[in-house]
PDB file of N, CA and C in Angstrom:
ATOM      1  N   UNK A   1       9.230  20.121 -51.021  1.00  0.00           N
ATOM      2  CA  UNK A   1       9.946  19.782 -49.823  1.00  0.00           C
ATOM      3  C   UNK A   1      11.021  18.751 -50.195  1.00  0.00           C
ATOM      4  N   UNK A   2      12.179  18.971 -49.700  1.00  0.00           N
ATOM      5  CA  UNK A   2      13.282  18.073 -50.022  1.00  0.00           C
ATOM      6  C   UNK A   2      13.190  16.800 -49.180  1.00  0.00           C
ATOM      7  N   UNK A   3      13.888  15.793 -49.566  1.00  0.00           N
ATOM      8  CA  UNK A   3      13.907  14.520 -48.855  1.00  0.00           C
ATOM      9  C   UNK A   3      14.458  14.692 -47.444  1.00  0.00           C
ATOM     10  N   UNK A   4      15.471  15.538 -47.322  1.00  0.00           N
ATOM     11  CA  UNK A   4      16.081  15.774 -46.006  1.00  0.00           C
ATOM     12  C   UNK A   4      15.070  16.425 -45.064  1.00  0.00           C
ATOM     13  N   UNK A   5      14.282  17.372 -45.549  1.00  0.00           N
ATOM     14  CA  UNK A   5      13.277  18.047 -44.732  1.00  0.00           C
ATOM     15  C   UNK A   5      12.195  17.056 -44.299  1.00  0.00           C
ATOM     16  N   UNK A   6      11.795  16.182 -45.228  1.00  0.00           N
ATOM     17  CA  UNK A   6      10.780  15.181 -44.897  1.00  0.00           C
ATOM     18  C   UNK A   6      11.295  14.223 -43.815  1.00  0.00           C
ATOM     19  N   UNK A   7      12.545  13.820 -43.935  1.00  0.00           N
ATOM     20  CA  UNK A   7      13.134  12.930 -42.938  1.00  0.00           C
ATOM     21  C   UNK A   7      13.215  13.591 -41.566  1.00  0.00           C
ATOM     22  N   UNK A   8      13.610  14.864 -41.555  1.00  0.00           N
ATOM     23  CA  UNK A   8      13.695  15.595 -40.287  1.00  0.00           C
ATOM     24  C   UNK A   8      12.313  15.740 -39.670  1.00  0.00           C
ATOM     25  N   UNK A   9      11.315  16.086 -40.489  1.00  0.00           N
ATOM     26  CA  UNK A   9       9.948  16.229 -39.998  1.00  0.00           C
ATOM     27  C   UNK A   9       9.436  14.884 -39.474  1.00  0.00           C
ATOM     28  N   UNK A  10       9.651  13.829 -40.220  1.00  0.00           N
ATOM     29  CA  UNK A  10       9.213  12.494 -39.781  1.00  0.00           C
ATOM     30  C   UNK A  10       9.914  12.078 -38.494  1.00  0.00           C
ATOM     31  N   UNK A  11      11.193  12.335 -38.405  1.00  0.00           N
ATOM     32  CA  UNK A  11      11.934  11.996 -37.188  1.00  0.00           C
ATOM     33  C   UNK A  11      11.431  12.772 -35.987  1.00  0.00           C
ATOM     34  N   UNK A  12      11.141  14.059 -36.194  1.00  0.00           N
ATOM     35  CA  UNK A  12      10.628  14.883 -35.096  1.00  0.00           C
ATOM     36  C   UNK A  12       9.254  14.380 -34.646  1.00  0.00           C
ATOM     37  N   UNK A  13       8.418  13.974 -35.618  1.00  0.00           N
ATOM     38  CA  UNK A  13       7.090  13.457 -35.260  1.00  0.00           C
ATOM     39  C   UNK A  13       7.211  12.149 -34.482  1.00  0.00           C
ATOM     40  N   UNK A  14       8.063  11.247 -34.948  1.00  0.00           N
ATOM     41  CA  UNK A  14       8.251   9.972 -34.254  1.00  0.00           C
ATOM     42  C   UNK A  14       8.814  10.207 -32.862  1.00  0.00           C
ATOM     43  N   UNK A  15       9.772  11.108 -32.748  1.00  0.00           N
ATOM     44  CA  UNK A  15      10.369  11.428 -31.454  1.00  0.00           C
ATOM     45  C   UNK A  15       9.312  12.003 -30.504  1.00  0.00           C
ATOM     46  N   UNK A  16       8.483  12.931 -31.006  1.00  0.00           N
ATOM     47  CA  UNK A  16       7.431  13.537 -30.176  1.00  0.00           C
ATOM     48  C   UNK A  16       6.421  12.489 -29.728  1.00  0.00           C
ATOM     49  N   UNK A  17       5.993  11.618 -30.633  1.00  0.00           N
ATOM     50  CA  UNK A  17       5.043  10.571 -30.268  1.00  0.00           C
ATOM     51  C   UNK A  17       5.657   9.598 -29.261  1.00  0.00           C
ATOM     52  N   UNK A  18       6.938   9.334 -29.402  1.00  0.00           N
ATOM     53  CA  UNK A  18       7.622   8.474 -28.440  1.00  0.00           C
ATOM     54  C   UNK A  18       7.638   9.085 -27.055  1.00  0.00           C
ATOM     55  N   UNK A  19       7.914  10.365 -26.978  1.00  0.00           N
ATOM     56  CA  UNK A  19       7.922  11.056 -25.673  1.00  0.00           C
ATOM     57  C   UNK A  19       6.527  11.044 -25.060  1.00  0.00           C
ATOM     58  N   UNK A  20       5.519  11.348 -25.869  1.00  0.00           N
ATOM     59  CA  UNK A  20       4.142  11.362 -25.361  1.00  0.00           C
ATOM     60  C   UNK A  20       3.740   9.978 -24.872  1.00  0.00           C
ATOM     61  N   UNK A  21       4.066   8.946 -25.638  1.00  0.00           N
ATOM     62  CA  UNK A  21       3.753   7.579 -25.231  1.00  0.00           C
ATOM     63  C   UNK A  21       4.458   7.208 -23.940  1.00  0.00           C
ATOM     64  N   UNK A  22       5.724   7.593 -23.798  1.00  0.00           N
ATOM     65  CA  UNK A  22       6.477   7.294 -22.585  1.00  0.00           C
ATOM     66  C   UNK A  22       5.855   7.974 -21.371  1.00  0.00           C
ATOM     67  N   UNK A  23       5.462   9.234 -21.539  1.00  0.00           N
ATOM     68  CA  UNK A  23       4.869   9.976 -20.415  1.00  0.00           C
ATOM     69  C   UNK A  23       3.568   9.308 -19.971  1.00  0.00           C
ATOM     70  N   UNK A  24       2.727   8.902 -20.920  1.00  0.00           N
ATOM     71  CA  UNK A  24       1.478   8.238 -20.548  1.00  0.00           C
ATOM     72  C   UNK A  24       1.745   6.898 -19.867  1.00  0.00           C
ATOM     73  N   UNK A  25       2.705   6.161 -20.376  1.00  0.00           N
ATOM     74  CA  UNK A  25       3.060   4.881 -19.762  1.00  0.00           C
ATOM     75  C   UNK A  25       3.591   5.081 -18.349  1.00  0.00           C
ATOM     76  N   UNK A  26       4.428   6.094 -18.167  1.00  0.00           N
ATOM     77  CA  UNK A  26       4.992   6.389 -16.847  1.00  0.00           C
ATOM     78  C   UNK A  26       3.893   6.800 -15.871  1.00  0.00           C
ATOM     79  N   UNK A  27       2.921   7.596 -16.334  1.00  0.00           N
ATOM     80  CA  UNK A  27       1.800   7.976 -15.477  1.00  0.00           C
ATOM     81  C   UNK A  27       0.993   6.757 -15.063  1.00  0.00           C
ATOM     82  N   UNK A  28       0.790   5.846 -15.986  1.00  0.00           N
ATOM     83  CA  UNK A  28       0.057   4.613 -15.690  1.00  0.00           C
ATOM     84  C   UNK A  28       0.787   3.812 -14.612  1.00  0.00           C
ATOM     85  N   UNK A  29       2.096   3.665 -14.764  1.00  0.00           N
ATOM     86  CA  UNK A  29       2.874   2.927 -13.765  1.00  0.00           C
ATOM     87  C   UNK A  29       2.837   3.621 -12.401  1.00  0.00           C
ATOM     88  N   UNK A  30       2.930   4.941 -12.393  1.00  0.00           N
ATOM     89  CA  UNK A  30       2.880   5.681 -11.134  1.00  0.00           C
ATOM     90  C   UNK A  30       1.539   5.487 -10.437  1.00  0.00           C
ATOM     91  N   UNK A  31       0.456   5.507 -11.203  1.00  0.00           N
ATOM     92  CA  UNK A  31      -0.868   5.288 -10.613  1.00  0.00           C
ATOM     93  C   UNK A  31      -0.979   3.881 -10.033  1.00  0.00           C
ATOM     94  N   UNK A  32      -0.434   2.908 -10.736  1.00  0.00           N
ATOM     95  CA  UNK A  32      -0.461   1.543 -10.243  1.00  0.00           C
ATOM     96  C   UNK A  32       0.313   1.421  -8.927  1.00  0.00           C
ATOM     97  N   UNK A  33       1.457   2.086  -8.850  1.00  0.00           N
ATOM     98  CA  UNK A  33       2.261   2.036  -7.620  1.00  0.00           C
ATOM     99  C   UNK A  33       1.542   2.730  -6.475  1.00  0.00           C
ATOM    100  N   UNK A  34       0.885   3.855  -6.752  1.00  0.00           N
ATOM    101  CA  UNK A  34       0.131   4.541  -5.707  1.00  0.00           C
ATOM    102  C   UNK A  34      -1.012   3.661  -5.211  1.00  0.00           C
ATOM    103  N   UNK A  35      -1.703   3.014  -6.120  1.00  0.00           N
ATOM    104  CA  UNK A  35      -2.810   2.136  -5.736  1.00  0.00           C
ATOM    105  C   UNK A  35      -2.295   0.961  -4.912  1.00  0.00           C
ATOM    106  N   UNK A  36      -1.161   0.418  -5.293  1.00  0.00           N
ATOM    107  CA  UNK A  36      -0.573  -0.686  -4.535  1.00  0.00           C
ATOM    108  C   UNK A  36      -0.201  -0.231  -3.127  1.00  0.00           C
ATOM    109  N   UNK A  37       0.258   1.014  -3.003  1.00  0.00           N
ATOM    110  CA  UNK A  37       0.581   1.560  -1.683  1.00  0.00           C
ATOM    111  C   UNK A  37      -0.642   1.638  -0.789  1.00  0.00           C
ATOM    112  N   UNK A  38      -1.775   2.023  -1.375  1.00  0.00           N
ATOM    113  CA  UNK A  38      -3.022   2.097  -0.610  1.00  0.00           C
ATOM    114  C   UNK A  38      -3.432   0.704  -0.145  1.00  0.00           C
ATOM    115  N   UNK A  39      -3.334  -0.269  -1.034  1.00  0.00           N
ATOM    116  CA  UNK A  39      -3.689  -1.645  -0.649  1.00  0.00           C
ATOM    117  C   UNK A  39      -2.773  -2.170   0.448  1.00  0.00           C
ATOM    118  N   UNK A  40      -1.489  -1.857   0.354  1.00  0.00           N
ATOM    119  CA  UNK A  40      -0.533  -2.283   1.374  1.00  0.00           C
ATOM    120  C   UNK A  40      -0.864  -1.654   2.723  1.00  0.00           C
ATOM    121  N   UNK A  41      -1.224  -0.374   2.709  1.00  0.00           N
ATOM    122  CA  UNK A  41      -1.600   0.300   3.955  1.00  0.00           C
ATOM    123  C   UNK A  41      -2.848  -0.328   4.568  1.00  0.00           C
ATOM    124  N   UNK A  42      -3.811  -0.667   3.728  1.00  0.00           N
ATOM    125  CA  UNK A  42      -5.030  -1.294   4.246  1.00  0.00           C
ATOM    126  C   UNK A  42      -4.722  -2.652   4.868  1.00  0.00           C
ATOM    127  N   UNK A  43      -3.864  -3.426   4.236  1.00  0.00           N
ATOM    128  CA  UNK A  43      -3.474  -4.723   4.791  1.00  0.00           C
ATOM    129  C   UNK A  43      -2.736  -4.546   6.113  1.00  0.00           C
ATOM    130  N   UNK A  44      -1.864  -3.554   6.176  1.00  0.00           N
ATOM    131  CA  UNK A  44      -1.116  -3.294   7.403  1.00  0.00           C
ATOM    132  C   UNK A  44      -2.056  -2.904   8.535  1.00  0.00           C
ATOM    133  N   UNK A  45      -3.052  -2.071   8.226  1.00  0.00           N
ATOM    134  CA  UNK A  45      -4.024  -1.678   9.250  1.00  0.00           C
ATOM    135  C   UNK A  45      -4.809  -2.873   9.753  1.00  0.00           C
ATOM    136  N   UNK A  46      -5.231  -3.764   8.837  1.00  0.00           N
ATOM    137  CA  UNK A  46      -5.971  -4.946   9.249  1.00  0.00           C
ATOM    138  C   UNK A  46      -5.111  -5.847  10.132  1.00  0.00           C
ATOM    139  N   UNK A  47      -3.847  -5.998   9.761  1.00  0.00           N
ATOM    140  CA  UNK A  47      -2.941  -6.826  10.560  1.00  0.00           C
ATOM    141  C   UNK A  47      -2.765  -6.242  11.950  1.00  0.00           C
ATOM    142  N   UNK A  48      -2.563  -4.931  12.029  1.00  0.00           N
ATOM    143  CA  UNK A  48      -2.412  -4.287  13.341  1.00  0.00           C
ATOM    144  C   UNK A  48      -3.675  -4.436  14.170  1.00  0.00           C
ATOM    145  N   UNK A  49      -4.813  -4.304  13.521  1.00  0.00           N
ATOM    146  CA  UNK A  49      -6.081  -4.443  14.233  1.00  0.00           C
ATOM    147  C   UNK A  49      -6.212  -5.842  14.819  1.00  0.00           C
ATOM    148  N   UNK A  50      -5.878  -6.861  14.031  1.00  0.00           N
ATOM    149  CA  UNK A  50      -5.948  -8.234  14.524  1.00  0.00           C
ATOM    150  C   UNK A  50      -4.972  -8.452  15.683  1.00  0.00           C
ATOM    151  N   UNK A  51      -3.761  -7.899  15.547  1.00  0.00           N
ATOM    152  CA  UNK A  51      -2.782  -8.036  16.631  1.00  0.00           C
ATOM    153  C   UNK A  51      -3.272  -7.349  17.896  1.00  0.00           C
ATOM    154  N   UNK A  52      -3.840  -6.162  17.755  1.00  0.00           N
ATOM    155  CA  UNK A  52      -4.346  -5.437  18.918  1.00  0.00           C
ATOM    156  C   UNK A  52      -5.495  -6.191  19.583  1.00  0.00           C
ATOM    157  N   UNK A  53      -6.385  -6.775  18.771  1.00  0.00           N
ATOM    158  CA  UNK A  53      -7.482  -7.554  19.346  1.00  0.00           C
ATOM    159  C   UNK A  53      -6.953  -8.778  20.089  1.00  0.00           C
ATOM    160  N   UNK A  54      -5.926  -9.409  19.531  1.00  0.00           N
ATOM    161  CA  UNK A  54      -5.330 -10.572  20.188  1.00  0.00           C
ATOM    162  C   UNK A  54      -4.708 -10.171  21.530  1.00  0.00           C
ATOM    163  N   UNK A  55      -3.969  -9.071  21.539  1.00  0.00           N
ATOM    164  CA  UNK A  55      -3.338  -8.600  22.776  1.00  0.00           C
ATOM    165  C   UNK A  55      -4.409  -8.205  23.798  1.00  0.00           C
ATOM    166  N   UNK A  56      -5.460  -7.561  23.340  1.00  0.00           N
ATOM    167  CA  UNK A  56      -6.543  -7.172  24.238  1.00  0.00           C
ATOM    168  C   UNK A  56      -7.201  -8.402  24.859  1.00  0.00           C
ATOM    169  N   UNK A  57      -7.431  -9.431  24.047  1.00  0.00           N
ATOM    170  CA  UNK A  57      -8.041 -10.656  24.571  1.00  0.00           C
ATOM    171  C   UNK A  57      -7.130 -11.321  25.596  1.00  0.00           C
ATOM    172  N   UNK A  58      -5.826 -11.333  25.326  1.00  0.00           N
ATOM    173  CA  UNK A  58      -4.886 -11.902  26.298  1.00  0.00           C
ATOM    174  C   UNK A  58      -4.924 -11.109  27.601  1.00  0.00           C
ATOM    175  N   UNK A  59      -5.016  -9.794  27.511  1.00  0.00           N
ATOM    176  CA  UNK A  59      -5.070  -8.970  28.717  1.00  0.00           C
ATOM    177  C   UNK A  59      -6.353  -9.236  29.497  1.00  0.00           C
ATOM    178  N   UNK A  60      -7.452  -9.402  28.784  1.00  0.00           N
ATOM    179  CA  UNK A  60      -8.728  -9.688  29.451  1.00  0.00           C
ATOM    180  C   UNK A  60      -8.647 -11.037  30.171  1.00  0.00           C
ATOM    181  N   UNK A  61      -8.084 -12.025  29.496  1.00  0.00           N
ATOM    182  CA  UNK A  61      -7.939 -13.346  30.115  1.00  0.00           C
ATOM    183  C   UNK A  61      -7.029 -13.282  31.337  1.00  0.00           C
ATOM    184  N   UNK A  62      -5.943 -12.544  31.221  1.00  0.00           N
ATOM    185  CA  UNK A  62      -5.020 -12.411  32.341  1.00  0.00           C
ATOM    186  C   UNK A  62      -5.683 -11.693  33.511  1.00  0.00           C
ATOM    187  N   UNK A  63      -6.466 -10.671  33.218  1.00  0.00           N
ATOM    188  CA  UNK A  63      -7.164  -9.953  34.285  1.00  0.00           C
ATOM    189  C   UNK A  63      -8.161 -10.868  34.991  1.00  0.00           C
ATOM    190  N   UNK A  64      -8.840 -11.719  34.222  1.00  0.00           N
ATOM    191  CA  UNK A  64      -9.771 -12.670  34.831  1.00  0.00           C
ATOM    192  C   UNK A  64      -9.042 -13.633  35.752  1.00  0.00           C
ATOM    193  N   UNK A  65      -7.886 -14.121  35.302  1.00  0.00           N
ATOM    194  CA  UNK A  65      -7.103 -15.040  36.125  1.00  0.00           C
ATOM    195  C   UNK A  65      -6.626 -14.362  37.402  1.00  0.00           C
ATOM    196  N   UNK A  66      -6.203 -13.112  37.298  1.00  0.00           N
ATOM    197  CA  UNK A  66      -5.741 -12.379  38.481  1.00  0.00           C
ATOM    198  C   UNK A  66      -6.891 -12.185  39.462  1.00  0.00           C
ATOM    199  N   UNK A  67      -8.073 -11.795  38.943  1.00  0.00           N
ATOM    200  CA  UNK A  67      -9.229 -11.622  39.825  1.00  0.00           C
ATOM    201  C   UNK A  67      -9.613 -12.945  40.497  1.00  0.00           C
ATOM    202  N   UNK A  68      -9.524 -13.998  39.717  1.00  0.00           N
ATOM    203  CA  UNK A  68      -9.867 -15.318  40.251  1.00  0.00           C
ATOM    204  C   UNK A  68      -8.892 -15.709  41.348  1.00  0.00           C
ATOM    205  N   UNK A  69      -7.604 -15.475  41.127  1.00  0.00           N
ATOM    206  CA  UNK A  69      -6.614 -15.816  42.149  1.00  0.00           C
ATOM    207  C   UNK A  69      -6.747 -14.903  43.362  1.00  0.00           C
ATOM    208  N   UNK A  70      -7.118 -13.637  43.153  1.00  0.00           N
ATOM    209  CA  UNK A  70      -7.334 -12.737  44.283  1.00  0.00           C
ATOM    210  C   UNK A  70      -8.537 -13.189  45.104  1.00  0.00           C
ATOM    211  N   UNK A  71      -9.578 -13.623  44.424  1.00  0.00           N
ATOM    212  CA  UNK A  71     -10.785 -14.085  45.120  1.00  0.00           C
ATOM    213  C   UNK A  71     -10.470 -15.343  45.930  1.00  0.00           C
ATOM    214  N   UNK A  72      -9.703 -16.241  45.367  1.00  0.00           N
ATOM    215  CA  UNK A  72      -9.374 -17.472  46.104  1.00  0.00           C
ATOM    216  C   UNK A  72      -8.447 -17.172  47.270  1.00  0.00           C
ATOM    217  N   UNK A  73      -7.555 -16.202  47.113  1.00  0.00           N
ATOM    218  CA  UNK A  73      -6.669 -15.871  48.228  1.00  0.00           C
ATOM    219  C   UNK A  73      -7.425 -15.102  49.320  1.00  0.00           C
ATOM    220  N   UNK A  74      -8.447 -14.324  48.929  1.00  0.00           N
ATOM    221  CA  UNK A  74      -9.255 -13.622  49.929  1.00  0.00           C
ATOM    222  C   UNK A  74     -10.103 -14.595  50.737  1.00  0.00           C
ATOM    223  N   UNK A  75     -10.548 -15.662  50.119  1.00  0.00           N
ATOM    224  CA  UNK A  75     -11.399 -16.628  50.787  1.00  0.00           C
ATOM    225  C   UNK A  75     -10.603 -17.412  51.821  1.00  0.00           C
ATOM    226  N   UNK A  76      -9.347 -17.718  51.521  1.00  0.00           N
ATOM    227  CA  UNK A  76      -8.551 -18.517  52.445  1.00  0.00           C
ATOM    228  C   UNK A  76      -7.949 -17.725  53.520  1.00  0.00           C
TER     229      UNK A  76
END
């Protein structure tokens, strides 16, 4: 085998290994981004749940105040 053939073969092997390494690295990054998206969605759901509970509690308190004021106005 000539020196030129060995260099071409070595270059092709290095190039192929580089492509394979890049693809695996890219897959790893994509998986990390997908996982981060799931965590972000879970945090968003928890935040919405807390906001909804807060709004519900305010509505319950307001309804109690309205009933209380209606009862006092009915008595007078």
